[in-house]
Amino acid sequence: MSVGSKIKEFRTKAGLTQKELADELHVTYQAVSRWENEDAEPSFDVIKELCGIFHCSTDDLFEIQKPESSKEENVRVVERVIVQEAKPVLAICEKCNSPIYDANDLNRINETYTVRNGRSWHNETRQKILCNECNEKRLLEIRKEKAFQEALRLDEIKRRRIKAFIWPSIIMTLFIIAGITSFTKGDTELGIECLVTAVIAYTFSATMILKNTFLTDMWLEITSWGFVKMPGVIFSFSLEGFIFLILIKIFLFLLGIALALFAAFVATIIALGLSIFVYPFALRKNLKNIA
């Protein structure tokens, strides 16, 4: 029986696969396959390691029978050097600088960087190569950051809910006290107005604090209509011209404030009316942790 067949026989008896035997010998499983197929022969050092793994002697491996006479026979072992071809390096990990030999261990990641070009800033996307271990660390950091941001978001929603309960409750309590006072003085109409105002003030202020419906954006949009750009003023370079310029500037400034206040007043009136219907949805979204 040939050496390759004996290697296969002892490997099978030991319950080892070609890959497991190759790992113990620190060679590739292709080398073990070539030995067993008689395409190559192991070196003398490998033969000694094989005898240690299989718990046999070189005589057993080469199937040499000892003569009955006391005369010893010299066994000649031919050593062959097998040059193992190194795997090509596909890429280098940009995180740990380790060579990547297997395509399954190669990860191409697109990352966006903010770079400065002269006085302007712009985003650039470039590809980054990572090994599996470094990529797992990157994904773990991303998951941690997402969990941290989610915790911040939930904390912010909770704080808004608390504020939306405390401050509107204080405002509503003041109006309720005013209404009760009016009722005790016999002014029923004013008392009813105070109670209605208390409810509207509560729903409006609570909805604005929760900031999870269209009401806040609508109020800001309508209010912004009052901030208009005033036209320029033509004046003469004289004392009367400068006085005229100052007076016109003051008038335009006061007019701008008046327009802004009027727009804010209109926005508030509309928001007050809508808040009664919007507040339940805003509270429901907040309780469901929807920003």
Protein backbone atom coordinates (compact mmCIF):
# COMPACT_ATOMS: atom_id res chain seq x y z
CA MET A 1 0.00 0.00 0.00
CA SER A 2 1.36 3.44 -0.90
CA VAL A 3 2.18 6.22 1.58
CA GLY A 4 -0.77 8.28 0.38
CA SER A 5 -3.15 5.40 0.98
CA LYS A 6 -1.67 4.84 4.45
CA ILE A 7 -2.09 8.53 5.29
CA LYS A 8 -5.71 8.35 4.21
CA GLU A 9 -6.20 5.11 6.18
CA PHE A 10 -4.70 6.50 9.40
CA ARG A 11 -6.57 9.81 8.94
CA THR A 12 -9.87 7.95 8.57
CA LYS A 13 -9.17 5.83 11.64
CA ALA A 14 -8.35 8.98 13.61
CA GLY A 15 -11.68 10.49 12.53
CA LEU A 16 -10.07 13.53 10.94
CA THR A 17 -11.06 15.33 7.77
CA GLN A 18 -8.48 16.61 5.31
CA LYS A 19 -9.12 20.14 6.56
CA GLU A 20 -8.69 19.16 10.24
CA LEU A 21 -5.47 17.25 9.51
CA ALA A 22 -4.18 20.17 7.45
CA ASP A 23 -4.90 22.61 10.32
CA GLU A 24 -2.89 20.47 12.74
CA LEU A 25 0.02 20.31 10.27
CA HIS A 26 -0.30 24.04 9.42
CA VAL A 27 -0.68 23.29 5.70
CA THR A 28 -3.57 23.61 3.27
CA TYR A 29 -6.10 20.86 2.85
CA GLN A 30 -5.08 20.75 -0.85
CA ALA A 31 -1.62 19.53 0.27
CA VAL A 32 -3.21 16.65 2.20
CA SER A 33 -5.34 15.82 -0.80
CA ARG A 34 -2.25 15.73 -3.07
CA TRP A 35 -0.46 13.37 -0.64
CA GLU A 36 -3.40 10.98 -0.57
CA ASN A 37 -3.74 11.09 -4.38
CA GLU A 38 0.00 10.39 -4.82
CA ASP A 39 0.51 13.74 -6.53
CA ALA A 40 3.11 14.75 -3.96
CA GLU A 41 4.92 13.39 -0.92
CA PRO A 42 5.23 14.99 2.52
CA SER A 43 8.55 16.18 3.82
CA PHE A 44 10.48 14.37 6.54
CA ASP A 45 9.39 16.90 9.19
CA VAL A 46 5.76 16.46 8.13
CA ILE A 47 6.14 12.67 8.28
CA LYS A 48 7.34 12.97 11.89
CA GLU A 49 4.33 15.14 12.74
CA LEU A 50 2.02 12.64 11.02
CA CYS A 51 3.47 9.80 13.12
CA GLY A 52 2.82 11.87 16.24
CA ILE A 53 -0.77 12.63 15.22
CA PHE A 54 -1.55 9.04 14.18
CA HIS A 55 0.41 7.55 17.10
CA CYS A 56 2.35 5.25 14.78
CA SER A 57 5.94 4.72 13.65
CA THR A 58 7.47 5.52 10.29
CA ASP A 59 7.57 1.76 9.65
CA ASP A 60 3.79 1.61 10.08
CA LEU A 61 3.34 4.62 7.82
CA PHE A 62 5.57 3.19 5.09
CA GLU A 63 4.31 -0.36 5.79
CA ILE A 64 7.81 -1.70 6.37
CA GLN A 65 7.99 -5.06 8.09
CA LYS A 66 10.95 -5.67 10.38
CA PRO A 67 13.03 -8.86 9.60
CA GLU A 68 13.06 -11.64 12.12
CA SER A 69 16.87 -11.52 12.29
CA SER A 70 18.54 -9.14 14.66
CA LYS A 71 20.15 -7.37 11.79
CA GLU A 72 18.57 -3.96 11.39
CA GLU A 73 17.79 -2.56 8.02
CA ASN A 74 18.40 1.04 7.26
CA VAL A 75 15.28 2.84 6.04
CA ARG A 76 16.03 5.58 3.61
CA VAL A 77 13.56 8.49 3.71
CA VAL A 78 13.62 10.83 0.79
CA GLU A 79 12.79 14.34 1.81
CA ARG A 80 10.99 16.52 -0.67
CA VAL A 81 10.45 20.21 -0.19
CA ILE A 82 6.98 21.31 -1.20
CA VAL A 83 6.68 25.00 -1.96
CA GLN A 84 3.24 26.21 -0.97
CA GLU A 85 1.94 29.09 -3.02
CA ALA A 86 0.81 32.04 -0.91
CA LYS A 87 -2.72 33.35 -1.34
CA PRO A 88 -2.92 36.70 -3.11
CA VAL A 89 -3.72 39.74 -0.97
CA LEU A 90 -7.02 41.21 -2.18
CA ALA A 91 -6.89 44.39 -0.09
CA ILE A 92 -5.63 45.95 3.13
CA CYS A 93 -8.06 46.83 5.93
CA GLU A 94 -7.96 50.62 6.37
CA LYS A 95 -8.73 50.28 10.09
CA CYS A 96 -6.30 47.64 11.40
CA ASN A 97 -4.00 47.42 8.32
CA SER A 98 -4.45 43.63 8.16
CA PRO A 99 -4.19 41.92 4.74
CA ILE A 100 -7.44 40.48 3.38
CA TYR A 101 -7.07 37.20 1.47
CA ASP A 102 -10.69 36.01 1.25
CA ALA A 103 -13.37 37.89 -0.70
CA ASN A 104 -15.90 37.00 2.01
CA ASP A 105 -13.79 38.97 4.51
CA LEU A 106 -13.78 42.11 2.36
CA ASN A 107 -16.31 44.89 3.05
CA ARG A 108 -16.59 48.01 0.90
CA ILE A 109 -18.16 50.84 2.91
CA ASN A 110 -19.26 54.18 1.47
CA GLU A 111 -18.58 57.00 3.92
CA THR A 112 -19.47 60.68 3.53
CA TYR A 113 -16.99 63.32 4.66
CA THR A 114 -17.40 67.09 4.95
CA VAL A 115 -14.39 68.75 3.34
CA ARG A 116 -13.46 72.36 2.79
CA ASN A 117 -12.71 73.64 -0.68
CA GLY A 118 -11.46 77.18 -0.36
CA ARG A 119 -14.12 79.05 1.61
CA SER A 120 -16.92 76.59 0.98
CA TRP A 121 -17.74 73.23 2.54
CA HIS A 122 -19.14 70.29 0.65
CA ASN A 123 -19.74 66.58 1.18
CA GLU A 124 -17.63 63.93 -0.49
CA THR A 125 -18.33 60.21 -0.55
CA ARG A 126 -15.48 57.75 -0.79
CA GLN A 127 -15.22 53.99 -0.48
CA LYS A 128 -13.52 52.46 2.54
CA ILE A 129 -12.32 48.84 2.78
CA LEU A 130 -12.70 47.01 6.09
CA CYS A 131 -12.23 43.43 7.24
CA ASN A 132 -15.11 41.56 8.88
CA GLU A 133 -13.88 42.23 12.41
CA CYS A 134 -13.48 45.98 11.90
CA ASN A 135 -16.79 46.17 10.05
CA GLU A 136 -18.55 44.44 12.97
CA LYS A 137 -17.03 47.00 15.33
CA ARG A 138 -18.25 49.80 13.02
CA LEU A 139 -21.79 48.37 12.94
CA LEU A 140 -21.73 48.01 16.73
CA GLU A 141 -20.78 51.67 17.11
CA ILE A 142 -23.60 52.66 14.75
CA ARG A 143 -26.09 50.62 16.76
CA LYS A 144 -24.86 52.21 19.99
CA GLU A 145 -25.17 55.70 18.51
CA LYS A 146 -28.71 54.97 17.25
CA ALA A 147 -29.69 53.64 20.68
CA PHE A 148 -28.22 56.76 22.32
CA GLN A 149 -30.07 59.10 19.94
CA GLU A 150 -33.30 57.15 20.47
CA ALA A 151 -32.89 57.47 24.24
CA LEU A 152 -32.39 61.23 23.84
CA ARG A 153 -35.48 61.46 21.63
CA LEU A 154 -37.63 59.56 24.12
CA ASP A 155 -36.30 61.71 26.96
CA GLU A 156 -37.14 64.87 25.01
CA ILE A 157 -40.68 63.60 24.32
CA LYS A 158 -41.15 62.80 28.01
CA ARG A 159 -39.91 66.25 29.09
CA ARG A 160 -42.27 67.91 26.62
CA ARG A 161 -45.18 65.90 27.99
CA ILE A 162 -44.34 66.99 31.55
CA LYS A 163 -43.99 70.63 30.52
CA ALA A 164 -47.22 70.39 28.50
CA PHE A 165 -48.98 69.33 31.68
CA ILE A 166 -47.43 71.69 34.24
CA TRP A 167 -47.44 75.10 32.52
CA PRO A 168 -50.84 74.84 30.81
CA SER A 169 -52.28 73.59 34.11
CA ILE A 170 -50.97 76.71 35.87
CA ILE A 171 -52.50 78.97 33.20
CA MET A 172 -55.80 77.07 33.29
CA THR A 173 -55.88 77.25 37.10
CA LEU A 174 -55.50 81.04 37.02
CA PHE A 175 -58.44 81.40 34.61
CA ILE A 176 -60.53 78.96 36.65
CA ILE A 177 -59.84 81.00 39.80
CA ALA A 178 -60.84 84.15 37.92
CA GLY A 179 -64.02 82.42 36.72
CA ILE A 180 -64.96 81.21 40.20
CA THR A 181 -64.32 84.69 41.56
CA SER A 182 -66.62 86.13 38.88
CA PHE A 183 -69.35 83.62 39.76
CA THR A 184 -69.13 84.53 43.45
CA LYS A 185 -69.49 88.21 42.55
CA GLY A 186 -72.56 87.41 40.48
CA ASP A 187 -70.95 88.04 37.07
CA THR A 188 -72.01 84.79 35.41
CA GLU A 189 -71.12 85.86 31.87
CA LEU A 190 -67.54 86.74 32.81
CA GLY A 191 -67.24 83.51 34.79
CA ILE A 192 -68.27 81.41 31.79
CA GLU A 193 -65.86 83.32 29.56
CA CYS A 194 -63.03 82.63 32.04
CA LEU A 195 -63.82 78.91 32.13
CA VAL A 196 -63.98 78.65 28.32
CA THR A 197 -60.74 80.62 28.08
CA ALA A 198 -59.15 78.27 30.61
CA VAL A 199 -59.90 75.24 28.44
CA ILE A 200 -58.75 76.94 25.23
CA ALA A 201 -55.61 78.33 26.88
CA TYR A 202 -54.76 74.85 28.20
CA THR A 203 -55.18 73.07 24.85
CA PHE A 204 -53.37 75.82 22.92
CA SER A 205 -50.34 76.07 25.22
CA ALA A 206 -50.10 72.28 25.64
CA THR A 207 -50.27 71.68 21.88
CA MET A 208 -47.62 74.33 21.23
CA ILE A 209 -45.30 72.79 23.85
CA LEU A 210 -45.75 69.24 22.52
CA LYS A 211 -44.71 70.47 19.02
CA ASN A 212 -45.76 67.28 17.24
CA THR A 213 -48.60 68.57 15.06
CA PHE A 214 -49.01 71.07 12.25
CA LEU A 215 -50.29 73.73 14.67
CA THR A 216 -46.85 75.02 15.69
CA ASP A 217 -45.60 75.28 12.11
CA MET A 218 -48.84 76.96 11.03
CA TRP A 219 -48.54 79.56 13.81
CA LEU A 220 -44.93 80.33 12.87
CA GLU A 221 -45.79 80.54 9.16
CA ILE A 222 -48.67 83.00 9.67
CA THR A 223 -46.62 85.07 12.13
CA SER A 224 -43.78 85.33 9.61
CA TRP A 225 -46.12 87.09 7.18
CA GLY A 226 -45.90 90.17 9.40
CA PHE A 227 -42.13 90.43 9.01
CA VAL A 228 -42.00 92.29 5.71
CA LYS A 229 -39.05 94.12 4.21
CA MET A 230 -39.61 97.86 4.31
CA PRO A 231 -38.81 99.93 1.23
CA GLY A 232 -35.81 102.22 1.04
CA VAL A 233 -36.13 105.94 1.65
CA ILE A 234 -34.87 108.68 -0.68
CA PHE A 235 -33.75 111.84 1.13
CA SER A 236 -31.70 114.91 0.48
CA PHE A 237 -28.31 115.60 2.08
CA SER A 238 -29.53 118.37 4.35
CA LEU A 239 -30.68 118.79 7.92
CA GLU A 240 -34.32 118.54 6.90
CA GLY A 241 -33.50 115.46 4.80
CA PHE A 242 -31.82 113.67 7.71
CA ILE A 243 -34.69 114.54 10.05
CA PHE A 244 -37.13 113.22 7.45
CA LEU A 245 -35.08 110.02 7.12
CA ILE A 246 -35.04 109.44 10.90
CA LEU A 247 -38.79 110.03 11.21
CA ILE A 248 -39.57 107.70 8.30
CA LYS A 249 -37.27 105.00 9.72
CA ILE A 250 -39.00 105.23 13.12
CA PHE A 251 -42.41 105.06 11.42
CA LEU A 252 -41.41 102.04 9.32
CA PHE A 253 -39.96 100.34 12.43
CA LEU A 254 -43.17 100.85 14.38
CA LEU A 255 -45.20 99.77 11.36
CA GLY A 256 -43.14 96.58 11.09
CA ILE A 257 -43.71 95.80 14.77
CA ALA A 258 -47.42 96.45 14.35
CA LEU A 259 -47.62 94.14 11.33
CA ALA A 260 -45.69 91.43 13.16
CA LEU A 261 -47.94 91.71 16.22
CA PHE A 262 -51.04 91.67 14.05
CA ALA A 263 -49.86 88.56 12.20
CA ALA A 264 -49.02 86.89 15.52
CA PHE A 265 -52.47 87.86 16.84
CA VAL A 266 -54.21 86.36 13.78
CA ALA A 267 -52.08 83.21 14.03
CA THR A 268 -52.90 82.89 17.74
CA ILE A 269 -56.65 83.30 17.17
CA ILE A 270 -56.64 80.60 14.49
CA ALA A 271 -54.43 78.30 16.58
CA LEU A 272 -56.64 78.79 19.66
CA GLY A 273 -59.68 77.62 17.75
CA LEU A 274 -57.91 74.63 16.24
CA SER A 275 -56.08 73.58 19.40
CA ILE A 276 -59.28 72.19 20.96
CA PHE A 277 -59.48 69.61 18.17
CA VAL A 278 -55.72 69.11 17.65
CA TYR A 279 -54.69 68.63 21.29
CA PRO A 280 -56.08 65.07 21.70
CA PHE A 281 -54.10 63.92 18.64
CA ALA A 282 -50.95 65.69 19.89
CA LEU A 283 -51.24 64.01 23.30
CA ARG A 284 -51.90 60.62 21.69
CA LYS A 285 -48.79 60.94 19.48
CA ASN A 286 -46.67 61.94 22.48
CA LEU A 287 -47.84 58.97 24.52
CA LYS A 288 -46.92 56.73 21.61
CA ASN A 289 -43.42 58.29 21.58
CA ILE A 290 -43.93 59.89 18.16
CA ALA A 291 -42.11 63.19 17.84
